[in-house]
Every structure is written in structure tokens, then in C-alpha cells.
Amino acid sequence: MDAIRHHTYGPPETLVLEQVPDPVPGPGQVLVAARVHGVHLLDTTLRRGEATGPLPAPRLPAIPGREVAGAVVAVDPDVGDDWLGARVAAHLGATPDGGGYARLAVAPVDSLHRLPDRLDLADAVAMIGTGRMALMALEVARPGPDDVVVITAAAGGLGSLFVQSALAAGARVLALAGGPRKVRAVRGLAPDAGPSLAVVDVAAPSWPQDARAALGRLRAPAATLLIDGVGGDLGADAAALLGPGGRLVVQGWASGSPNPVAASAVTPHGQPVEVRAVVGPGAPAFGDLRDHQRRALERAASGEWRVLTHRVAFAEAARAHRELEERRTVGKVVLG
């Protein structure tokens, strides 16, 4: 079968298309002919040989990836034949070399989700990991009609879901996105939001001042909630938009360093804030992750969530990693 592997740690070009033996499902497993494969920023870290969170560097050679969508083409004898031909999405497990960047993937039968025909495979694979994470973060953030919500990386796979969910909850939203293309994408998520949505281009040197002006258009002296997945200096500047007692929800740090405000619970302007972590120390237990996947898939299938995807040909996985690292992607990155 075709698979994307890397034999050394290093830059995106270490990812190469190769022929490898077809896997065989074992007890309780099925074989999925994958047509779409999820890509995470986490994958780029592991590709460089860097341990991240609970995941060690992968053993080489490695096939990255943990999310696939496609059709079941084989089952182990102890798995019911009713799965054969089923249109499914699956998370392959929290491992550094999950085998997701491969045209055939072995998956536990209890990891499968049957997909309705109306749900695009790329949208489905985005829900398995990214949609699940969005629901987890929203359970912590709990935006409501009294909130003014700042969302960093608003054009990303997660950020775009946060924007839609906060607006649906009745909140006013200040979305931060880098560059005109991403700003347009965020506005396109909610064309009827009117004065409830403001989008600021963080690629502009004046963006902190622009954000303050945008809060004025939202009729808010300060934000009440920040959902931050960027961290670093940008995250700190975004936290400065919070008023006293505002909530800072940390769901990652794409910049490579956590939001510094999370450690002190005080913004650069000296305002005390409440810090809630979705990842890292202090993160709550979220119970049944499969249920979060199911609910995310339902939101996408119903149209409640409009899913943004950045699609790259399977053979061009190196390009997908490069564009993700260079912040040139809009939405969830998928191969297929």
C-alpha cells in the first residue's frame, strides 16, 4: 500500500511516499481503506523527533497520523460482517506513530463511527480529533450571551469552531486571524452575524490597537473570555484585552510557548483573570472521548458547524507540514 513515512527526524522533506506491506486486522479490529487523513500541528513536532505532552518521539521509520476516514474493506473473524463496506471515521489512538498517513489503516472496531452519506469525509476526519477537542474546550469556556469572547487563530480548525459556537451561544466575538485570506475566511463563517462579530488581522503591526477599536464596535469596554491556542507574545497581547475577572482558557500554544498570563493569572495591564486549562497541568478529565467525537460529528452533519478544511494531496504530505508550520493554512489540514 501507499504510505507516508519518515526514516529520520527533521524538516518536512523527511516525509516520503513509499510502498509498505498491507496491514492485517487482528482480534477486534477492522481494515479501513482511508481516503482522507487528518494532520495536526502535533505531527510536525513529532516529525522533528521532539517529545510532546505524553507522547514520546516516534520510533523510526514511522507513519504519522491518528485520524482517518474511508470505508471498511476487511474485518477480523470476531468482528461482525455488517461492518464491511461501512463508511466510517476513526481515531487510531494516542500514539506518536499511529499509522494514519497510510491508504490502509487498522482500527479497533470500537473506535469506528458510521458516517451519514451527507457528511463529507474531510469534514468527518476533522471532527474526530479537532471537533472533539473543540467540544472539550467549550465545556471549560462555557461562552454565553453576556460574554465578549476573544478567539486566537480564529481561521484554524479549532478557532473556526469556537467562533461559530460562541456566536450561537449569543456572545459577541472578537476573532483574531493572520492575513487578509484568513480574515475573509472567518467572516465567511457567519456572514449574518452583523455587529456581533469583529475580525482583526494580527499580521498588521497595529493589531492590538485595532482590537481595542473592535471592542468599541462590539460595545464592550473589555473582553470577558479569551480562548487561546497560540500562546507566546500574541497570547499575552490578547489577554490584555480581558477585563478584571475575565476567563482565560488555554487550549494549546501553537507559538511554541504557553500564554505567559496563565502562570500569573494577571494580564500585562495588571488585571486579575481566571485561568482554565484544557491541556497540560490542571486540565480536567473529560470522560468519554468517543462521545465527544460522536457529538462533534453530529454537529458537522447537521450543519450546526461549518467545517473549514485545508486539503492537500496525499502524496504531498511534506507540503502540508510545511504550510502548517508556516501558518499558511485555513481550517483543519487534511490529506486526501
Protein backbone atom coordinates (compact mmCIF):
# COMPACT_ATOMS: atom_id res chain seq x y z
CA MET A 1 0.00 0.00 0.00
CA ASP A 2 0.96 3.66 -0.28
CA ALA A 3 2.09 5.25 2.96
CA ILE A 4 3.90 8.39 4.10
CA ARG A 5 6.93 7.57 6.25
CA HIS A 6 9.99 9.24 7.65
CA HIS A 7 13.23 7.39 8.39
CA THR A 8 14.93 10.31 10.13
CA TYR A 9 13.82 13.23 12.27
CA GLY A 10 13.93 16.61 10.62
CA PRO A 11 12.20 19.02 8.23
CA PRO A 12 9.04 18.27 6.25
CA GLU A 13 11.06 16.80 3.39
CA THR A 14 11.83 13.77 5.56
CA LEU A 15 8.25 12.66 4.80
CA VAL A 16 8.29 10.43 1.71
CA LEU A 17 5.73 8.35 -0.16
CA GLU A 18 6.63 4.66 -0.02
CA GLN A 19 5.21 1.21 -0.64
CA VAL A 20 4.85 -0.79 2.59
CA PRO A 21 3.18 -4.15 3.32
CA ASP A 22 -0.59 -4.09 3.78
CA PRO A 23 -1.59 -4.35 7.45
CA VAL A 24 -3.82 -7.18 8.63
CA PRO A 25 -6.56 -6.62 11.23
CA GLY A 26 -6.19 -8.55 14.48
CA PRO A 27 -8.75 -9.50 17.09
CA GLY A 28 -11.41 -6.83 17.44
CA GLN A 29 -10.01 -4.83 14.53
CA VAL A 30 -11.02 -3.81 11.01
CA LEU A 31 -9.10 -2.58 7.99
CA VAL A 32 -10.10 0.85 6.71
CA ALA A 33 -9.34 1.97 3.15
CA ALA A 34 -8.64 5.57 4.05
CA ARG A 35 -9.41 8.34 1.59
CA VAL A 36 -8.85 11.26 3.98
CA HIS A 37 -6.20 11.60 6.69
CA GLY A 38 -6.07 14.19 9.49
CA VAL A 39 -2.95 16.30 10.05
CA HIS A 40 -2.13 18.11 13.31
CA LEU A 41 0.50 20.65 14.31
CA LEU A 42 1.46 17.98 16.84
CA ASP A 43 2.51 15.77 13.90
CA THR A 44 5.12 18.33 12.88
CA THR A 45 6.61 18.31 16.37
CA LEU A 46 6.85 14.52 16.43
CA ARG A 47 8.36 14.52 12.94
CA ARG A 48 11.21 16.64 14.28
CA GLY A 49 11.83 14.00 16.98
CA GLU A 50 10.56 16.15 19.83
CA ALA A 51 8.51 14.58 22.60
CA THR A 52 5.29 16.47 23.23
CA GLY A 53 2.99 16.14 26.23
CA PRO A 54 2.53 12.43 26.99
CA LEU A 55 3.81 11.37 23.57
CA PRO A 56 7.47 10.41 23.10
CA ALA A 57 9.30 10.84 19.81
CA PRO A 58 8.18 8.11 17.38
CA ARG A 59 10.27 5.04 16.69
CA LEU A 60 11.69 5.13 13.17
CA PRO A 61 10.71 4.51 10.49
CA ALA A 62 7.34 5.95 11.39
CA ILE A 63 3.99 6.51 9.69
CA PRO A 64 2.49 9.61 11.34
CA GLY A 65 -1.15 10.42 11.93
CA ARG A 66 -4.03 9.24 14.08
CA GLU A 67 -7.23 10.14 12.16
CA VAL A 68 -8.71 8.52 9.06
CA ALA A 69 -11.99 8.37 7.17
CA GLY A 70 -12.97 5.94 4.45
CA ALA A 71 -14.58 2.52 4.09
CA VAL A 72 -14.12 -0.79 5.92
CA VAL A 73 -12.64 -3.35 3.49
CA ALA A 74 -11.75 -6.24 5.82
CA VAL A 75 -12.60 -7.42 9.31
CA ASP A 76 -11.16 -9.90 11.76
CA PRO A 77 -13.33 -13.04 12.05
CA ASP A 78 -14.52 -11.99 15.52
CA VAL A 79 -15.91 -8.71 14.12
CA GLY A 80 -19.35 -8.73 12.52
CA ASP A 81 -19.51 -8.70 8.71
CA ASP A 82 -22.04 -5.88 8.93
CA TRP A 83 -19.06 -3.51 9.13
CA LEU A 84 -17.85 -4.48 5.64
CA GLY A 85 -18.33 -1.59 3.25
CA ALA A 86 -19.34 0.81 6.03
CA ARG A 87 -18.41 4.45 5.56
CA VAL A 88 -16.50 5.34 8.73
CA ALA A 89 -14.17 7.69 10.56
CA ALA A 90 -11.83 6.59 13.34
CA HIS A 91 -9.23 7.87 15.76
CA LEU A 92 -6.33 5.40 15.82
CA GLY A 93 -5.20 6.15 19.35
CA ALA A 94 -2.86 8.48 21.23
CA THR A 95 0.43 7.18 19.87
CA PRO A 96 3.33 9.04 18.22
CA ASP A 97 3.26 6.79 15.13
CA GLY A 98 -0.39 5.94 14.73
CA GLY A 99 -0.23 4.91 11.07
CA GLY A 100 -2.81 7.42 9.87
CA TYR A 101 -0.88 8.63 6.82
CA ALA A 102 -1.49 5.34 5.02
CA ARG A 103 -4.04 4.19 2.47
CA LEU A 104 -4.92 1.21 4.66
CA ALA A 105 -5.23 1.56 8.42
CA VAL A 106 -6.04 -0.96 11.13
CA ALA A 107 -8.54 0.35 13.67
CA PRO A 108 -10.26 -1.17 16.70
CA VAL A 109 -13.91 -1.75 15.86
CA ASP A 110 -14.95 0.21 18.94
CA SER A 111 -13.15 3.28 17.57
CA LEU A 112 -15.34 3.44 14.45
CA HIS A 113 -18.11 5.92 13.76
CA ARG A 114 -20.55 5.18 10.95
CA LEU A 115 -20.97 8.26 8.77
CA PRO A 116 -24.11 9.51 7.05
CA ASP A 117 -23.81 9.97 3.29
CA ARG A 118 -24.42 13.72 3.69
CA LEU A 119 -21.22 14.17 5.72
CA ASP A 120 -18.10 14.83 3.66
CA LEU A 121 -15.18 12.57 4.59
CA ALA A 122 -12.84 15.53 5.11
CA ASP A 123 -15.34 17.17 7.46
CA ALA A 124 -15.71 13.86 9.31
CA VAL A 125 -11.99 13.37 9.84
CA ALA A 126 -11.78 16.93 11.15
CA MET A 127 -14.37 16.11 13.80
CA ILE A 128 -12.61 13.00 15.12
CA GLY A 129 -9.76 14.93 16.78
CA THR A 130 -10.27 18.64 16.23
CA GLY A 131 -14.03 18.67 16.72
CA ARG A 132 -13.63 16.54 19.83
CA MET A 133 -11.07 19.00 21.23
CA ALA A 134 -13.35 21.94 20.43
CA LEU A 135 -16.17 20.45 22.49
CA MET A 136 -13.80 19.80 25.37
CA ALA A 137 -12.61 23.42 25.32
CA LEU A 138 -16.15 24.74 25.08
CA GLU A 139 -17.14 22.72 28.15
CA VAL A 140 -14.43 24.59 30.03
CA ALA A 141 -15.02 28.02 28.45
CA ARG A 142 -18.84 27.98 28.52
CA PRO A 143 -19.44 31.13 26.45
CA GLY A 144 -22.82 32.74 26.99
CA PRO A 145 -24.92 35.75 25.98
CA ASP A 146 -23.21 38.02 28.49
CA ASP A 147 -19.74 37.29 27.11
CA VAL A 148 -17.42 39.15 24.80
CA VAL A 149 -15.14 36.40 23.52
CA VAL A 150 -11.67 36.83 22.01
CA ILE A 151 -10.53 33.87 19.92
CA THR A 152 -6.96 33.50 18.66
CA ALA A 153 -6.13 31.55 15.49
CA ALA A 154 -9.76 32.03 14.54
CA ALA A 155 -9.28 30.71 11.00
CA GLY A 156 -7.83 27.41 12.21
CA GLY A 157 -9.61 24.12 12.57
CA LEU A 158 -10.35 24.76 16.24
CA GLY A 159 -10.71 28.52 16.13
CA SER A 160 -13.32 28.43 13.39
CA LEU A 161 -15.47 26.11 15.52
CA PHE A 162 -15.06 28.36 18.56
CA VAL A 163 -16.23 31.38 16.56
CA GLN A 164 -19.39 29.62 15.44
CA SER A 165 -20.14 28.17 18.87
CA ALA A 166 -19.65 31.47 20.73
CA LEU A 167 -21.93 33.29 18.29
CA ALA A 168 -24.54 30.53 18.58
CA ALA A 169 -24.42 30.95 22.38
CA GLY A 170 -25.33 34.62 21.96
CA ALA A 171 -21.89 36.04 22.71
CA ARG A 172 -20.17 38.86 20.91
CA VAL A 173 -16.95 37.69 19.27
CA LEU A 174 -13.62 39.35 18.52
CA ALA A 175 -11.80 36.93 16.20
CA LEU A 176 -8.04 37.23 15.63
CA ALA A 177 -6.65 35.87 12.36
CA GLY A 178 -3.39 36.40 10.47
CA GLY A 179 -3.65 37.89 7.00
CA PRO A 180 -6.46 39.01 4.65
CA ARG A 181 -7.26 35.48 3.41
CA LYS A 182 -7.82 34.23 6.94
CA VAL A 183 -9.82 37.31 7.89
CA ARG A 184 -12.13 36.66 4.92
CA ALA A 185 -12.49 33.01 5.89
CA VAL A 186 -13.58 33.91 9.42
CA ARG A 187 -16.11 36.45 8.20
CA GLY A 188 -17.47 33.82 5.83
CA LEU A 189 -18.25 31.54 8.76
CA ALA A 190 -21.03 33.85 9.94
CA PRO A 191 -22.00 36.28 7.17
CA ASP A 192 -25.18 37.22 9.03
CA ALA A 193 -23.51 37.88 12.39
CA GLY A 194 -23.60 41.63 11.85
CA PRO A 195 -22.33 43.71 14.78
CA SER A 196 -21.83 40.59 16.93
CA LEU A 197 -18.63 39.64 15.09
CA ALA A 198 -15.45 41.66 14.63
CA VAL A 199 -12.37 40.23 12.90
CA VAL A 200 -8.89 41.71 13.36
CA ASP A 201 -5.80 40.93 11.27
CA VAL A 202 -2.97 40.10 13.68
CA ALA A 203 -0.48 40.29 10.80
CA ALA A 204 -0.87 44.10 10.98
CA PRO A 205 1.59 45.77 13.37
CA SER A 206 -1.25 47.87 14.75
CA TRP A 207 -3.42 44.90 15.63
CA PRO A 208 -3.55 45.47 19.42
CA GLN A 209 -4.91 48.96 18.79
CA ASP A 210 -7.21 47.61 16.09
CA ALA A 211 -8.52 45.04 18.57
CA ARG A 212 -9.27 47.77 21.12
CA ALA A 213 -11.18 49.68 18.46
CA ALA A 214 -13.06 46.50 17.55
CA LEU A 215 -14.13 46.05 21.18
CA GLY A 216 -15.62 49.52 20.96
CA ARG A 217 -17.64 48.47 17.90
CA LEU A 218 -18.80 45.47 19.91
CA ARG A 219 -19.98 47.90 22.61
CA ALA A 220 -17.63 46.38 25.16
CA PRO A 221 -15.06 48.11 27.39
CA ALA A 222 -13.15 44.80 27.64
CA ALA A 223 -13.42 41.13 26.80
CA THR A 224 -14.80 38.66 29.34
CA LEU A 225 -13.36 35.45 27.83
CA LEU A 226 -10.25 34.56 25.83
CA ILE A 227 -9.91 31.14 24.18
CA ASP A 228 -6.24 30.93 23.27
CA GLY A 229 -4.44 28.24 21.32
CA VAL A 230 -1.45 30.36 20.26
CA GLY A 231 0.26 31.45 23.47
CA GLY A 232 3.52 33.40 23.47
CA ASP A 233 3.55 37.14 22.91
CA LEU A 234 0.39 37.13 20.81
CA GLY A 235 -1.47 35.27 23.53
CA ALA A 236 -0.27 37.76 26.13
CA ASP A 237 -1.39 40.69 23.98
CA ALA A 238 -4.77 39.03 23.50
CA ALA A 239 -5.06 38.50 27.28
CA ALA A 240 -4.51 42.23 27.74
CA LEU A 241 -7.96 42.69 26.18
CA LEU A 242 -9.58 40.96 29.18
CA GLY A 243 -11.22 42.98 31.91
CA PRO A 244 -10.94 42.21 35.63
CA GLY A 245 -12.20 38.71 36.40
CA GLY A 246 -12.11 37.67 32.77
CA ARG A 247 -11.56 34.00 31.90
CA LEU A 248 -8.50 32.76 30.05
CA VAL A 249 -8.98 29.29 28.55
CA VAL A 250 -5.71 27.75 27.36
CA GLN A 251 -6.22 25.01 24.77
CA GLY A 252 -2.70 24.90 23.31
CA TRP A 253 0.29 27.01 22.30
CA ALA A 254 0.96 26.87 18.58
CA SER A 255 3.66 29.53 19.02
CA GLY A 256 5.77 27.01 20.92
CA SER A 257 5.39 28.65 24.35
CA PRO A 258 2.34 28.83 26.64
CA ASN A 259 0.48 32.02 27.27
CA PRO A 260 2.59 33.73 29.97
CA VAL A 261 -0.53 35.16 31.60
CA ALA A 262 -1.59 31.61 32.52
CA ALA A 263 1.23 31.34 35.05
CA SER A 264 0.49 34.61 36.84
CA ALA A 265 -3.29 34.97 36.32
CA VAL A 266 -2.63 38.68 35.79
CA THR A 267 -2.76 40.41 32.41
CA PRO A 268 0.02 42.75 31.20
CA HIS A 269 -2.23 45.62 32.35
CA GLY A 270 -2.40 44.21 35.86
CA GLN A 271 -5.94 42.86 35.62
CA PRO A 272 -6.56 39.63 37.57
CA VAL A 273 -8.09 36.84 35.46
CA GLU A 274 -9.35 33.32 35.98
CA VAL A 275 -7.23 30.72 34.18
CA ARG A 276 -8.77 27.49 32.94
CA ALA A 277 -6.60 24.90 31.19
CA VAL A 278 -7.88 22.40 28.65
CA VAL A 279 -4.44 20.84 28.17
CA GLY A 280 -1.47 20.48 30.50
CA PRO A 281 -1.39 20.68 34.31
CA GLY A 282 -4.76 21.39 35.85
CA ALA A 283 -6.74 20.20 32.84
CA PRO A 284 -9.99 18.46 33.82
CA ALA A 285 -10.85 14.87 32.95
CA PHE A 286 -13.31 14.84 30.07
CA GLY A 287 -14.78 11.37 30.42
CA ASP A 288 -15.87 9.53 27.30
CA LEU A 289 -13.82 10.94 24.42
CA ARG A 290 -15.74 8.77 21.96
CA ASP A 291 -18.92 10.58 22.98
CA HIS A 292 -17.24 13.90 22.23
CA GLN A 293 -16.35 12.55 18.78
CA ARG A 294 -19.93 11.45 18.19
CA ARG A 295 -21.35 14.83 19.19
CA ALA A 296 -18.83 16.68 17.02
CA LEU A 297 -19.76 14.51 14.02
CA GLU A 298 -23.44 15.26 14.65
CA ARG A 299 -22.77 19.00 14.67
CA ALA A 300 -20.99 18.80 11.34
CA ALA A 301 -23.59 16.50 9.77
CA SER A 302 -26.47 18.75 10.86
CA GLY A 303 -24.80 21.91 9.56
CA GLU A 304 -24.57 23.39 13.05
CA TRP A 305 -20.82 23.59 12.46
CA ARG A 306 -19.45 24.69 9.13
CA VAL A 307 -16.11 22.89 8.84
CA LEU A 308 -13.14 24.64 7.23
CA THR A 309 -10.60 22.27 5.71
CA HIS A 310 -7.24 22.85 4.05
CA ARG A 311 -6.86 19.94 1.63
CA VAL A 312 -3.54 18.68 0.33
CA ALA A 313 -2.91 15.69 -1.94
CA PHE A 314 -1.88 12.56 -0.06
CA ALA A 315 1.49 12.35 -1.80
CA GLU A 316 2.26 15.94 -0.76
CA ALA A 317 2.31 15.40 2.99
CA ALA A 318 5.60 17.29 3.21
CA ARG A 319 3.90 20.34 1.71
CA ALA A 320 1.04 20.03 4.20
CA HIS A 321 3.51 20.05 7.09
CA ARG A 322 5.42 22.98 5.64
CA GLU A 323 2.29 25.07 5.14
CA LEU A 324 1.06 24.22 8.63
CA GLU A 325 4.36 25.21 10.24
CA GLU A 326 4.43 28.44 8.24
CA ARG A 327 0.87 29.30 9.33
CA ARG A 328 -0.36 29.32 5.73
CA THR A 329 -3.34 27.02 6.28
CA VAL A 330 -7.00 27.86 6.75
CA GLY A 331 -9.02 25.34 8.72
CA LYS A 332 -8.23 21.73 9.55
CA VAL A 333 -5.40 20.28 7.44
CA VAL A 334 -6.28 17.00 5.72
CA LEU A 335 -4.55 14.75 3.22
CA GLY A 336 -6.58 13.10 0.51
